[in-house]
């Protein structure tokens, strides 16, 4: 079994922080929606607020608009706007459990994209981790409770969220690799990528959210979280600063250290953390199958993060030399 490097250890830590930060968005967003904001307006507040926080960074790296315009647009559309908008449209037509499972087919779709489109080798542990985590997530969201009579449009939007999630990981990995480029013009700061992505995403969602009609007084009042009343602006700040700014910054940074396949499977922990928070903060209790599913997601994430980064996988043929074979066979 291969030795974990400081780089991969840091990547795993960042991926865990990102998953937990993203996972906290639901328990903050749901009370705001129940208080009077539409789902699209909550998404807009989240992205626009985060883009404003990161605006100084995007201004400092404005050269990226000239050197990497399509990468920024791709990340803003796929990695930010379409992931969230597709998910919210999906839950308006199919059960939330089904929509979540469809979105988190992203890591499995990512493995297929890397294997059959980019022709990159995929380690057995990454594939096994993805499949195990997908099975676990199916138990967590109790997928069997809403399979009858699914709206095909809702399913299409759920799959759209999964495909968009693939774009998030692929573009993040590409940006991470650019950091090693000898040409300074080709280097992409992950903070700047997140800032531009959130800014572009907010602009794209603006016509849907119509912020000019947003009931701003809701943010000045209180929202109900379970049996407690919480200032709505506190939930909004949490959603912007933790579940968006921190989540995207650590998520993008983790992909370049773990590789897209591994980081995407660790991201399954987002659903587990969201479920735990919903249990304690919103009173949505877990059934026995959900607890089993949570354990499977944890196992899948662990198995996936023990795999080699994608860059190393391309060297499998070279590593089969006798001098290396004994020490590395266990990691393949």
C-alpha atoms as a PDB file:
ATOM      1  CA  UNK A   1       0.000   0.000   0.000  1.00  0.00           C
ATOM      2  CA  UNK A   2       1.436   3.362  -0.976  1.00  0.00           C
ATOM      3  CA  UNK A   3       2.563   5.943   1.574  1.00  0.00           C
ATOM      4  CA  UNK A   4       0.386   9.008   1.851  1.00  0.00           C
ATOM      5  CA  UNK A   5       2.322  12.171   1.020  1.00  0.00           C
ATOM      6  CA  UNK A   6       1.966  15.501   2.856  1.00  0.00           C
ATOM      7  CA  UNK A   7       0.348  16.852  -0.329  1.00  0.00           C
ATOM      8  CA  UNK A   8      -2.327  14.142  -0.398  1.00  0.00           C
ATOM      9  CA  UNK A   9      -2.907  14.458   3.362  1.00  0.00           C
ATOM     10  CA  UNK A  10      -3.509  18.180   2.967  1.00  0.00           C
ATOM     11  CA  UNK A  11      -5.768  17.452   0.005  1.00  0.00           C
ATOM     12  CA  UNK A  12      -7.849  15.018   2.066  1.00  0.00           C
ATOM     13  CA  UNK A  13      -8.166  17.581   4.872  1.00  0.00           C
ATOM     14  CA  UNK A  14      -9.281  20.258   2.415  1.00  0.00           C
ATOM     15  CA  UNK A  15     -11.777  17.865   0.788  1.00  0.00           C
ATOM     16  CA  UNK A  16     -13.277  17.016   4.182  1.00  0.00           C
ATOM     17  CA  UNK A  17     -13.588  20.701   5.112  1.00  0.00           C
ATOM     18  CA  UNK A  18     -15.223  21.395   1.750  1.00  0.00           C
ATOM     19  CA  UNK A  19     -17.709  18.535   2.127  1.00  0.00           C
ATOM     20  CA  UNK A  20     -18.690  19.639   5.618  1.00  0.00           C
ATOM     21  CA  UNK A  21     -18.977  23.294   4.538  1.00  0.00           C
ATOM     22  CA  UNK A  22     -21.134  22.427   1.521  1.00  0.00           C
ATOM     23  CA  UNK A  23     -23.209  20.065   3.664  1.00  0.00           C
ATOM     24  CA  UNK A  24     -24.193  22.875   6.008  1.00  0.00           C
ATOM     25  CA  UNK A  25     -25.928  24.852   3.273  1.00  0.00           C
ATOM     26  CA  UNK A  26     -29.181  22.916   3.379  1.00  0.00           C
ATOM     27  CA  UNK A  27     -29.964  23.492   7.044  1.00  0.00           C
ATOM     28  CA  UNK A  28     -29.335  27.212   6.526  1.00  0.00           C
ATOM     29  CA  UNK A  29     -31.249  27.491   3.260  1.00  0.00           C
ATOM     30  CA  UNK A  30     -34.382  25.572   4.274  1.00  0.00           C
ATOM     31  CA  UNK A  31     -35.404  27.976   7.092  1.00  0.00           C
ATOM     32  CA  UNK A  32     -34.854  30.944   4.757  1.00  0.00           C
ATOM     33  CA  UNK A  33     -37.068  29.340   2.095  1.00  0.00           C
ATOM     34  CA  UNK A  34     -39.754  28.633   4.695  1.00  0.00           C
ATOM     35  CA  UNK A  35     -39.456  32.258   5.866  1.00  0.00           C
ATOM     36  CA  UNK A  36     -40.411  33.584   2.441  1.00  0.00           C
ATOM     37  CA  UNK A  37     -37.489  33.423  -0.003  1.00  0.00           C
ATOM     38  CA  UNK A  38     -37.797  31.321  -3.155  1.00  0.00           C
ATOM     39  CA  UNK A  39     -35.157  28.617  -3.775  1.00  0.00           C
ATOM     40  CA  UNK A  40     -33.764  30.640  -6.693  1.00  0.00           C
ATOM     41  CA  UNK A  41     -33.487  33.720  -4.501  1.00  0.00           C
ATOM     42  CA  UNK A  42     -31.629  31.763  -1.842  1.00  0.00           C
ATOM     43  CA  UNK A  43     -29.197  30.531  -4.500  1.00  0.00           C
ATOM     44  CA  UNK A  44     -28.697  34.085  -5.747  1.00  0.00           C
ATOM     45  CA  UNK A  45     -28.081  35.475  -2.250  1.00  0.00           C
ATOM     46  CA  UNK A  46     -25.580  32.709  -1.671  1.00  0.00           C
ATOM     47  CA  UNK A  47     -23.624  33.251  -4.887  1.00  0.00           C
ATOM     48  CA  UNK A  48     -23.860  37.041  -5.045  1.00  0.00           C
ATOM     49  CA  UNK A  49     -22.799  37.408  -1.413  1.00  0.00           C
ATOM     50  CA  UNK A  50     -19.836  35.074  -1.876  1.00  0.00           C
ATOM     51  CA  UNK A  51     -18.834  36.828  -5.110  1.00  0.00           C
ATOM     52  CA  UNK A  52     -18.837  40.156  -3.255  1.00  0.00           C
ATOM     53  CA  UNK A  53     -16.588  38.734  -0.527  1.00  0.00           C
ATOM     54  CA  UNK A  54     -14.098  37.476  -3.130  1.00  0.00           C
ATOM     55  CA  UNK A  55     -14.349  40.554  -5.375  1.00  0.00           C
ATOM     56  CA  UNK A  56     -10.953  41.998  -4.304  1.00  0.00           C
ATOM     57  CA  UNK A  57      -9.300  38.739  -5.412  1.00  0.00           C
ATOM     58  CA  UNK A  58     -11.076  38.668  -8.764  1.00  0.00           C
ATOM     59  CA  UNK A  59     -10.083  42.287  -9.430  1.00  0.00           C
ATOM     60  CA  UNK A  60      -6.458  41.515  -8.623  1.00  0.00           C
ATOM     61  CA  UNK A  61      -6.525  38.534 -11.012  1.00  0.00           C
ATOM     62  CA  UNK A  62      -8.535  40.242 -13.760  1.00  0.00           C
ATOM     63  CA  UNK A  63      -5.887  39.144 -16.281  1.00  0.00           C
ATOM     64  CA  UNK A  64      -7.618  35.739 -16.225  1.00  0.00           C
ATOM     65  CA  UNK A  65     -10.479  37.297 -18.153  1.00  0.00           C
ATOM     66  CA  UNK A  66      -8.024  37.737 -20.994  1.00  0.00           C
ATOM     67  CA  UNK A  67      -5.886  34.598 -20.633  1.00  0.00           C
ATOM     68  CA  UNK A  68      -8.461  31.987 -19.464  1.00  0.00           C
ATOM     69  CA  UNK A  69     -11.921  33.315 -20.391  1.00  0.00           C
ATOM     70  CA  UNK A  70     -13.480  29.991 -21.390  1.00  0.00           C
ATOM     71  CA  UNK A  71     -12.239  28.206 -18.285  1.00  0.00           C
ATOM     72  CA  UNK A  72     -13.818  30.879 -16.082  1.00  0.00           C
ATOM     73  CA  UNK A  73     -17.097  30.778 -18.006  1.00  0.00           C
ATOM     74  CA  UNK A  74     -17.154  26.973 -17.876  1.00  0.00           C
ATOM     75  CA  UNK A  75     -16.601  26.929 -14.134  1.00  0.00           C
ATOM     76  CA  UNK A  76     -19.204  29.639 -13.538  1.00  0.00           C
ATOM     77  CA  UNK A  77     -21.812  27.841 -15.640  1.00  0.00           C
ATOM     78  CA  UNK A  78     -21.125  24.198 -14.759  1.00  0.00           C
ATOM     79  CA  UNK A  79     -19.351  24.324 -11.412  1.00  0.00           C
ATOM     80  CA  UNK A  80     -21.552  26.984  -9.825  1.00  0.00           C
ATOM     81  CA  UNK A  81     -24.783  27.983 -11.566  1.00  0.00           C
ATOM     82  CA  UNK A  82     -26.063  24.797 -13.236  1.00  0.00           C
ATOM     83  CA  UNK A  83     -25.274  22.519 -10.284  1.00  0.00           C
ATOM     84  CA  UNK A  84     -27.421  24.552  -7.925  1.00  0.00           C
ATOM     85  CA  UNK A  85     -30.165  25.620 -10.323  1.00  0.00           C
ATOM     86  CA  UNK A  86     -30.585  22.097 -11.725  1.00  0.00           C
ATOM     87  CA  UNK A  87     -30.890  20.664  -8.227  1.00  0.00           C
ATOM     88  CA  UNK A  88     -33.542  23.172  -7.154  1.00  0.00           C
ATOM     89  CA  UNK A  89     -35.565  22.603 -10.306  1.00  0.00           C
ATOM     90  CA  UNK A  90     -35.256  18.833  -9.763  1.00  0.00           C
ATOM     91  CA  UNK A  91     -36.667  18.957  -6.232  1.00  0.00           C
ATOM     92  CA  UNK A  92     -39.650  20.916  -7.550  1.00  0.00           C
ATOM     93  CA  UNK A  93     -40.647  17.894  -9.675  1.00  0.00           C
ATOM     94  CA  UNK A  94     -39.278  14.769  -7.955  1.00  0.00           C
ATOM     95  CA  UNK A  95     -38.767  13.790  -4.305  1.00  0.00           C
ATOM     96  CA  UNK A  96     -35.767  15.413  -2.634  1.00  0.00           C
ATOM     97  CA  UNK A  97     -34.244  11.984  -1.984  1.00  0.00           C
ATOM     98  CA  UNK A  98     -34.309  11.111  -5.682  1.00  0.00           C
ATOM     99  CA  UNK A  99     -32.916  14.502  -6.690  1.00  0.00           C
ATOM    100  CA  UNK A 100     -30.035  14.156  -4.249  1.00  0.00           C
ATOM    101  CA  UNK A 101     -29.174  10.667  -5.454  1.00  0.00           C
ATOM    102  CA  UNK A 102     -29.271  11.808  -9.081  1.00  0.00           C
ATOM    103  CA  UNK A 103     -26.952  14.730  -8.314  1.00  0.00           C
ATOM    104  CA  UNK A 104     -24.499  12.506  -6.488  1.00  0.00           C
ATOM    105  CA  UNK A 105     -24.219  10.202  -9.448  1.00  0.00           C
ATOM    106  CA  UNK A 106     -21.670  12.852 -10.451  1.00  0.00           C
ATOM    107  CA  UNK A 107     -18.612  11.040  -9.019  1.00  0.00           C
ATOM    108  CA  UNK A 108     -19.549   7.842 -10.862  1.00  0.00           C
ATOM    109  CA  UNK A 109     -20.151   9.764 -14.091  1.00  0.00           C
ATOM    110  CA  UNK A 110     -16.795  11.466 -13.565  1.00  0.00           C
ATOM    111  CA  UNK A 111     -15.000   8.122 -13.540  1.00  0.00           C
ATOM    112  CA  UNK A 112     -16.684   7.228 -16.830  1.00  0.00           C
ATOM    113  CA  UNK A 113     -15.711  10.579 -18.350  1.00  0.00           C
ATOM    114  CA  UNK A 114     -12.086  10.225 -17.325  1.00  0.00           C
ATOM    115  CA  UNK A 115     -11.881   6.621 -18.504  1.00  0.00           C
ATOM    116  CA  UNK A 116     -13.709   6.785 -21.825  1.00  0.00           C
ATOM    117  CA  UNK A 117     -13.355  10.436 -22.894  1.00  0.00           C
ATOM    118  CA  UNK A 118      -9.964  11.464 -21.517  1.00  0.00           C
ATOM    119  CA  UNK A 119      -8.621   7.880 -21.765  1.00  0.00           C
ATOM    120  CA  UNK A 120      -7.102   8.093 -18.294  1.00  0.00           C
ATOM    121  CA  UNK A 121      -6.640   4.938 -16.207  1.00  0.00           C
ATOM    122  CA  UNK A 122      -8.911   4.653 -13.172  1.00  0.00           C
ATOM    123  CA  UNK A 123      -7.711   2.814 -10.093  1.00  0.00           C
ATOM    124  CA  UNK A 124      -9.806  -0.008  -8.715  1.00  0.00           C
ATOM    125  CA  UNK A 125     -10.044   1.642  -5.304  1.00  0.00           C
ATOM    126  CA  UNK A 126     -11.451   4.892  -6.775  1.00  0.00           C
ATOM    127  CA  UNK A 127     -14.092   2.950  -8.746  1.00  0.00           C
ATOM    128  CA  UNK A 128     -14.947   0.701  -5.788  1.00  0.00           C
ATOM    129  CA  UNK A 129     -15.169   3.725  -3.506  1.00  0.00           C
ATOM    130  CA  UNK A 130     -17.545   5.497  -5.890  1.00  0.00           C
ATOM    131  CA  UNK A 131     -19.828   2.476  -6.213  1.00  0.00           C
ATOM    132  CA  UNK A 132     -19.856   1.847  -2.453  1.00  0.00           C
ATOM    133  CA  UNK A 133     -20.604   5.488  -1.692  1.00  0.00           C
ATOM    134  CA  UNK A 134     -23.384   5.560  -4.310  1.00  0.00           C
ATOM    135  CA  UNK A 135     -25.020   2.524  -2.691  1.00  0.00           C
ATOM    136  CA  UNK A 136     -24.653   4.152   0.727  1.00  0.00           C
ATOM    137  CA  UNK A 137     -26.192   7.392  -0.491  1.00  0.00           C
ATOM    138  CA  UNK A 138     -29.163   5.458  -1.898  1.00  0.00           C
ATOM    139  CA  UNK A 139     -29.790   4.149   1.630  1.00  0.00           C
ATOM    140  CA  UNK A 140     -29.261   7.570   3.235  1.00  0.00           C
ATOM    141  CA  UNK A 141     -31.850   9.267   1.026  1.00  0.00           C
ATOM    142  CA  UNK A 142     -34.189   6.225   1.158  1.00  0.00           C
ATOM    143  CA  UNK A 143     -34.445   6.114  -2.606  1.00  0.00           C
ATOM    144  CA  UNK A 144     -37.129   3.417  -2.518  1.00  0.00           C
ATOM    145  CA  UNK A 145     -39.676   5.856  -1.015  1.00  0.00           C
ATOM    146  CA  UNK A 146     -40.160   7.862  -4.188  1.00  0.00           C
ATOM    147  CA  UNK A 147     -39.537   5.698  -7.230  1.00  0.00           C
ATOM    148  CA  UNK A 148     -43.102   5.529  -8.481  1.00  0.00           C
ATOM    149  CA  UNK A 149     -44.260   7.816 -11.296  1.00  0.00           C
ATOM    150  CA  UNK A 150     -41.154   9.986 -11.553  1.00  0.00           C
ATOM    151  CA  UNK A 151     -41.474  13.161 -13.610  1.00  0.00           C
ATOM    152  CA  UNK A 152     -39.067  12.752 -16.563  1.00  0.00           C
ATOM    153  CA  UNK A 153     -38.307  16.485 -16.583  1.00  0.00           C
ATOM    154  CA  UNK A 154     -37.365  16.328 -12.904  1.00  0.00           C
ATOM    155  CA  UNK A 155     -35.123  13.338 -13.564  1.00  0.00           C
ATOM    156  CA  UNK A 156     -33.512  15.224 -16.452  1.00  0.00           C
ATOM    157  CA  UNK A 157     -32.710  18.184 -14.206  1.00  0.00           C
ATOM    158  CA  UNK A 158     -31.302  15.835 -11.552  1.00  0.00           C
ATOM    159  CA  UNK A 159     -28.998  14.257 -14.128  1.00  0.00           C
ATOM    160  CA  UNK A 160     -28.105  17.769 -15.265  1.00  0.00           C
ATOM    161  CA  UNK A 161     -26.903  18.515 -11.744  1.00  0.00           C
ATOM    162  CA  UNK A 162     -24.765  15.363 -11.827  1.00  0.00           C
ATOM    163  CA  UNK A 163     -23.222  16.296 -15.191  1.00  0.00           C
ATOM    164  CA  UNK A 164     -22.570  19.820 -13.921  1.00  0.00           C
ATOM    165  CA  UNK A 165     -20.837  18.348 -10.889  1.00  0.00           C
ATOM    166  CA  UNK A 166     -18.510  16.486 -13.266  1.00  0.00           C
ATOM    167  CA  UNK A 167     -17.641  19.821 -14.841  1.00  0.00           C
ATOM    168  CA  UNK A 168     -16.837  21.268 -11.411  1.00  0.00           C
ATOM    169  CA  UNK A 169     -14.292  18.559 -10.630  1.00  0.00           C
ATOM    170  CA  UNK A 170     -12.729  18.428 -14.105  1.00  0.00           C
ATOM    171  CA  UNK A 171     -12.259  22.200 -14.308  1.00  0.00           C
ATOM    172  CA  UNK A 172     -10.966  22.383 -10.732  1.00  0.00           C
ATOM    173  CA  UNK A 173      -8.381  19.711 -11.511  1.00  0.00           C
ATOM    174  CA  UNK A 174      -7.305  21.525 -14.679  1.00  0.00           C
ATOM    175  CA  UNK A 175      -6.893  24.757 -12.729  1.00  0.00           C
ATOM    176  CA  UNK A 176      -4.878  22.970 -10.059  1.00  0.00           C
ATOM    177  CA  UNK A 177      -2.486  21.524 -12.622  1.00  0.00           C
ATOM    178  CA  UNK A 178      -1.931  24.978 -14.110  1.00  0.00           C
ATOM    179  CA  UNK A 179      -0.247  26.040 -10.868  1.00  0.00           C
ATOM    180  CA  UNK A 180       2.835  24.063 -11.941  1.00  0.00           C
ATOM    181  CA  UNK A 181       2.995  25.771 -15.337  1.00  0.00           C
ATOM    182  CA  UNK A 182       6.269  27.477 -16.224  1.00  0.00           C
ATOM    183  CA  UNK A 183       4.262  30.247 -17.892  1.00  0.00           C
ATOM    184  CA  UNK A 184       2.901  32.653 -15.233  1.00  0.00           C
ATOM    185  CA  UNK A 185       0.118  33.684 -17.620  1.00  0.00           C
ATOM    186  CA  UNK A 186      -1.261  30.129 -17.547  1.00  0.00           C
ATOM    187  CA  UNK A 187      -1.365  29.809 -13.764  1.00  0.00           C
ATOM    188  CA  UNK A 188      -4.796  30.003 -12.155  1.00  0.00           C
ATOM    189  CA  UNK A 189      -5.193  30.915  -8.515  1.00  0.00           C
ATOM    190  CA  UNK A 190      -7.915  28.664  -7.005  1.00  0.00           C
ATOM    191  CA  UNK A 191      -9.291  31.596  -4.998  1.00  0.00           C
ATOM    192  CA  UNK A 192      -9.597  33.654  -8.175  1.00  0.00           C
ATOM    193  CA  UNK A 193     -11.259  30.736 -10.000  1.00  0.00           C
ATOM    194  CA  UNK A 194     -13.831  30.461  -7.225  1.00  0.00           C
ATOM    195  CA  UNK A 195     -14.402  34.214  -7.208  1.00  0.00           C
ATOM    196  CA  UNK A 196     -14.948  34.461 -10.959  1.00  0.00           C
ATOM    197  CA  UNK A 197     -17.094  31.332 -10.957  1.00  0.00           C
ATOM    198  CA  UNK A 198     -19.386  32.679  -8.238  1.00  0.00           C
ATOM    199  CA  UNK A 199     -19.613  36.077  -9.944  1.00  0.00           C
ATOM    200  CA  UNK A 200     -20.514  34.517 -13.292  1.00  0.00           C
ATOM    201  CA  UNK A 201     -22.945  32.128 -11.591  1.00  0.00           C
ATOM    202  CA  UNK A 202     -24.705  35.006  -9.817  1.00  0.00           C
ATOM    203  CA  UNK A 203     -25.084  36.886 -13.107  1.00  0.00           C
ATOM    204  CA  UNK A 204     -26.512  33.794 -14.820  1.00  0.00           C
ATOM    205  CA  UNK A 205     -29.038  33.149 -12.038  1.00  0.00           C
ATOM    206  CA  UNK A 206     -30.139  36.808 -11.779  1.00  0.00           C
ATOM    207  CA  UNK A 207     -32.957  36.544 -14.384  1.00  0.00           C
ATOM    208  CA  UNK A 208     -34.347  33.474 -12.588  1.00  0.00           C
ATOM    209  CA  UNK A 209     -34.038  34.869  -9.057  1.00  0.00           C
ATOM    210  CA  UNK A 210     -35.178  38.406  -9.912  1.00  0.00           C
ATOM    211  CA  UNK A 211     -33.423  39.926  -6.886  1.00  0.00           C
ATOM    212  CA  UNK A 212     -35.182  43.255  -7.503  1.00  0.00           C
ATOM    213  CA  UNK A 213     -38.334  41.587  -6.170  1.00  0.00           C
ATOM    214  CA  UNK A 214     -36.571  39.824  -3.292  1.00  0.00           C
ATOM    215  CA  UNK A 215     -38.324  40.341   0.086  1.00  0.00           C
ATOM    216  CA  UNK A 216     -35.308  41.811   1.851  1.00  0.00           C
ATOM    217  CA  UNK A 217     -37.290  42.262   5.062  1.00  0.00           C
ATOM    218  CA  UNK A 218     -37.109  38.479   5.522  1.00  0.00           C
ATOM    219  CA  UNK A 219     -33.362  38.727   6.116  1.00  0.00           C
ATOM    220  CA  UNK A 220     -34.004  41.296   8.852  1.00  0.00           C
ATOM    221  CA  UNK A 221     -36.370  39.041  10.742  1.00  0.00           C
ATOM    222  CA  UNK A 222     -36.167  35.580  12.278  1.00  0.00           C
ATOM    223  CA  UNK A 223     -36.322  32.123  10.729  1.00  0.00           C
ATOM    224  CA  UNK A 224     -37.446  28.901  12.376  1.00  0.00           C
ATOM    225  CA  UNK A 225     -34.825  26.174  12.682  1.00  0.00           C
ATOM    226  CA  UNK A 226     -36.454  23.163  14.264  1.00  0.00           C
ATOM    227  CA  UNK A 227     -37.794  24.389  17.601  1.00  0.00           C
ATOM    228  CA  UNK A 228     -35.570  27.481  17.681  1.00  0.00           C
ATOM    229  CA  UNK A 229     -35.834  30.963  16.215  1.00  0.00           C
ATOM    230  CA  UNK A 230     -32.639  32.193  14.577  1.00  0.00           C
ATOM    231  CA  UNK A 231     -31.865  35.611  13.051  1.00  0.00           C
ATOM    232  CA  UNK A 232     -32.255  35.160   9.298  1.00  0.00           C
ATOM    233  CA  UNK A 233     -29.181  37.237   8.513  1.00  0.00           C
ATOM    234  CA  UNK A 234     -27.054  34.831  10.590  1.00  0.00           C
ATOM    235  CA  UNK A 235     -28.214  31.943   8.427  1.00  0.00           C
ATOM    236  CA  UNK A 236     -27.507  33.986   5.299  1.00  0.00           C
ATOM    237  CA  UNK A 237     -23.997  34.836   6.532  1.00  0.00           C
ATOM    238  CA  UNK A 238     -23.311  31.181   7.325  1.00  0.00           C
ATOM    239  CA  UNK A 239     -24.518  30.161   3.880  1.00  0.00           C
ATOM    240  CA  UNK A 240     -22.340  32.804   2.169  1.00  0.00           C
ATOM    241  CA  UNK A 241     -19.136  32.653   4.223  1.00  0.00           C
ATOM    242  CA  UNK A 242     -18.977  28.986   5.233  1.00  0.00           C
ATOM    243  CA  UNK A 243     -21.162  26.997   2.833  1.00  0.00           C
ATOM    244  CA  UNK A 244     -20.010  28.910  -0.246  1.00  0.00           C
ATOM    245  CA  UNK A 245     -16.754  30.864   0.162  1.00  0.00           C
ATOM    246  CA  UNK A 246     -14.994  28.341   2.417  1.00  0.00           C
ATOM    247  CA  UNK A 247     -16.586  25.379   0.621  1.00  0.00           C
ATOM    248  CA  UNK A 248     -15.502  26.424  -2.872  1.00  0.00           C
ATOM    249  CA  UNK A 249     -12.017  27.560  -1.860  1.00  0.00           C
ATOM    250  CA  UNK A 250     -11.168  24.330  -0.051  1.00  0.00           C
ATOM    251  CA  UNK A 251     -12.950  22.206  -2.670  1.00  0.00           C
ATOM    252  CA  UNK A 252     -11.048  23.617  -5.641  1.00  0.00           C
ATOM    253  CA  UNK A 253      -7.748  23.414  -3.751  1.00  0.00           C
ATOM    254  CA  UNK A 254      -8.350  19.789  -2.732  1.00  0.00           C
ATOM    255  CA  UNK A 255      -8.945  18.499  -6.264  1.00  0.00           C
ATOM    256  CA  UNK A 256      -5.438  19.342  -7.464  1.00  0.00           C
ATOM    257  CA  UNK A 257      -3.952  17.450  -4.497  1.00  0.00           C
ATOM    258  CA  UNK A 258      -6.155  14.347  -4.560  1.00  0.00           C
ATOM    259  CA  UNK A 259      -7.141  14.180  -8.254  1.00  0.00           C
ATOM    260  CA  UNK A 260     -10.705  14.665  -9.446  1.00  0.00           C
ATOM    261  CA  UNK A 261     -11.904  11.029  -8.969  1.00  0.00           C
ATOM    262  CA  UNK A 262     -10.764  10.799  -5.353  1.00  0.00           C
ATOM    263  CA  UNK A 263     -11.944  14.273  -4.325  1.00  0.00           C
ATOM    264  CA  UNK A 264     -15.335  13.666  -5.925  1.00  0.00           C
ATOM    265  CA  UNK A 265     -15.950  10.535  -3.860  1.00  0.00           C
ATOM    266  CA  UNK A 266     -14.869  12.227  -0.626  1.00  0.00           C
ATOM    267  CA  UNK A 267     -17.504  14.856  -1.526  1.00  0.00           C
ATOM    268  CA  UNK A 268     -20.158  12.179  -0.820  1.00  0.00           C
ATOM    269  CA  UNK A 269     -19.625  13.088   2.831  1.00  0.00           C
ATOM    270  CA  UNK A 270     -21.537  16.296   2.105  1.00  0.00           C
ATOM    271  CA  UNK A 271     -24.784  14.334   2.017  1.00  0.00           C
ATOM    272  CA  UNK A 272     -23.955  12.556   5.281  1.00  0.00           C
ATOM    273  CA  UNK A 273     -23.088  15.794   7.058  1.00  0.00           C
ATOM    274  CA  UNK A 274     -26.253  17.438   5.718  1.00  0.00           C
ATOM    275  CA  UNK A 275     -28.305  14.524   7.048  1.00  0.00           C
ATOM    276  CA  UNK A 276     -26.659  14.704  10.493  1.00  0.00           C
ATOM    277  CA  UNK A 277     -27.220  18.460  10.728  1.00  0.00           C
ATOM    278  CA  UNK A 278     -30.835  18.027   9.654  1.00  0.00           C
ATOM    279  CA  UNK A 279     -31.245  15.485  12.441  1.00  0.00           C
ATOM    280  CA  UNK A 280     -29.913  17.722  15.202  1.00  0.00           C
ATOM    281  CA  UNK A 281     -30.975  21.165  13.958  1.00  0.00           C
ATOM    282  CA  UNK A 282     -34.190  20.521  12.038  1.00  0.00           C
ATOM    283  CA  UNK A 283     -35.472  17.452  13.867  1.00  0.00           C
ATOM    284  CA  UNK A 284     -35.367  15.195  10.790  1.00  0.00           C
ATOM    285  CA  UNK A 285     -34.460  11.855  12.376  1.00  0.00           C
ATOM    286  CA  UNK A 286     -32.523   9.041  10.719  1.00  0.00           C
ATOM    287  CA  UNK A 287     -33.885   5.540  10.230  1.00  0.00           C
ATOM    288  CA  UNK A 288     -31.772   2.393  10.580  1.00  0.00           C
ATOM    289  CA  UNK A 289     -31.161   2.024   6.794  1.00  0.00           C
ATOM    290  CA  UNK A 290     -29.927   5.620   6.691  1.00  0.00           C
ATOM    291  CA  UNK A 291     -27.389   4.893   9.429  1.00  0.00           C
ATOM    292  CA  UNK A 292     -26.167   1.869   7.452  1.00  0.00           C
ATOM    293  CA  UNK A 293     -25.981   4.019   4.332  1.00  0.00           C
ATOM    294  CA  UNK A 294     -23.952   6.638   6.161  1.00  0.00           C
ATOM    295  CA  UNK A 295     -21.449   3.988   7.179  1.00  0.00           C
ATOM    296  CA  UNK A 296     -21.158   2.823   3.551  1.00  0.00           C
ATOM    297  CA  UNK A 297     -20.527   6.381   2.361  1.00  0.00           C
ATOM    298  CA  UNK A 298     -17.743   6.732   4.918  1.00  0.00           C
ATOM    299  CA  UNK A 299     -16.241   3.426   3.803  1.00  0.00           C
ATOM    300  CA  UNK A 300     -16.483   4.443   0.144  1.00  0.00           C
ATOM    301  CA  UNK A 301     -14.812   7.785   0.784  1.00  0.00           C
ATOM    302  CA  UNK A 302     -12.001   6.091   2.722  1.00  0.00           C
ATOM    303  CA  UNK A 303     -11.426   3.471   0.008  1.00  0.00           C
ATOM    304  CA  UNK A 304     -11.364   6.136  -2.695  1.00  0.00           C
ATOM    305  CA  UNK A 305      -8.900   8.416  -0.924  1.00  0.00           C
ATOM    306  CA  UNK A 306      -6.413   5.555  -0.543  1.00  0.00           C
ATOM    307  CA  UNK A 307      -6.114   5.313  -4.330  1.00  0.00           C
ATOM    308  CA  UNK A 308      -3.349   6.895  -6.370  1.00  0.00           C
ATOM    309  CA  UNK A 309      -3.766  10.347  -7.847  1.00  0.00           C
ATOM    310  CA  UNK A 310      -4.664  10.278 -11.541  1.00  0.00           C
ATOM    311  CA  UNK A 311      -1.215  11.536 -12.518  1.00  0.00           C
ATOM    312  CA  UNK A 312       0.407   8.499 -10.947  1.00  0.00           C
ATOM    313  CA  UNK A 313      -2.083   6.162 -12.576  1.00  0.00           C
ATOM    314  CA  UNK A 314      -0.772   7.113 -16.010  1.00  0.00           C
ATOM    315  CA  UNK A 315       2.560   5.659 -14.995  1.00  0.00           C
ATOM    316  CA  UNK A 316       1.286   2.175 -14.228  1.00  0.00           C
ATOM    317  CA  UNK A 317       3.135   0.611 -17.130  1.00  0.00           C
ATOM    318  CA  UNK A 318       6.426   2.160 -16.081  1.00  0.00           C
ATOM    319  CA  UNK A 319       5.888   1.167 -12.471  1.00  0.00           C
ATOM    320  CA  UNK A 320       5.678  -2.490 -13.448  1.00  0.00           C
ATOM    321  CA  UNK A 321       9.479  -2.587 -13.681  1.00  0.00           C
ATOM    322  CA  UNK A 322      10.924  -5.162 -11.242  1.00  0.00           C
ATOM    323  CA  UNK A 323      12.649  -2.536  -9.108  1.00  0.00           C
ATOM    324  CA  UNK A 324       9.306  -0.888  -8.293  1.00  0.00           C
ATOM    325  CA  UNK A 325       6.809  -3.693  -8.610  1.00  0.00           C
ATOM    326  CA  UNK A 326       7.126  -5.228  -5.160  1.00  0.00           C
ATOM    327  CA  UNK A 327       6.625  -2.009  -3.202  1.00  0.00           C
ATOM    328  CA  UNK A 328       3.775  -0.655  -5.308  1.00  0.00           C
ATOM    329  CA  UNK A 329       1.685  -3.677  -6.361  1.00  0.00           C
ATOM    330  CA  UNK A 330      -0.522  -3.436  -3.274  1.00  0.00           C
ATOM    331  CA  UNK A 331      -1.624   0.074  -4.146  1.00  0.00           C
ATOM    332  CA  UNK A 332      -3.072  -0.836  -7.536  1.00  0.00           C
END
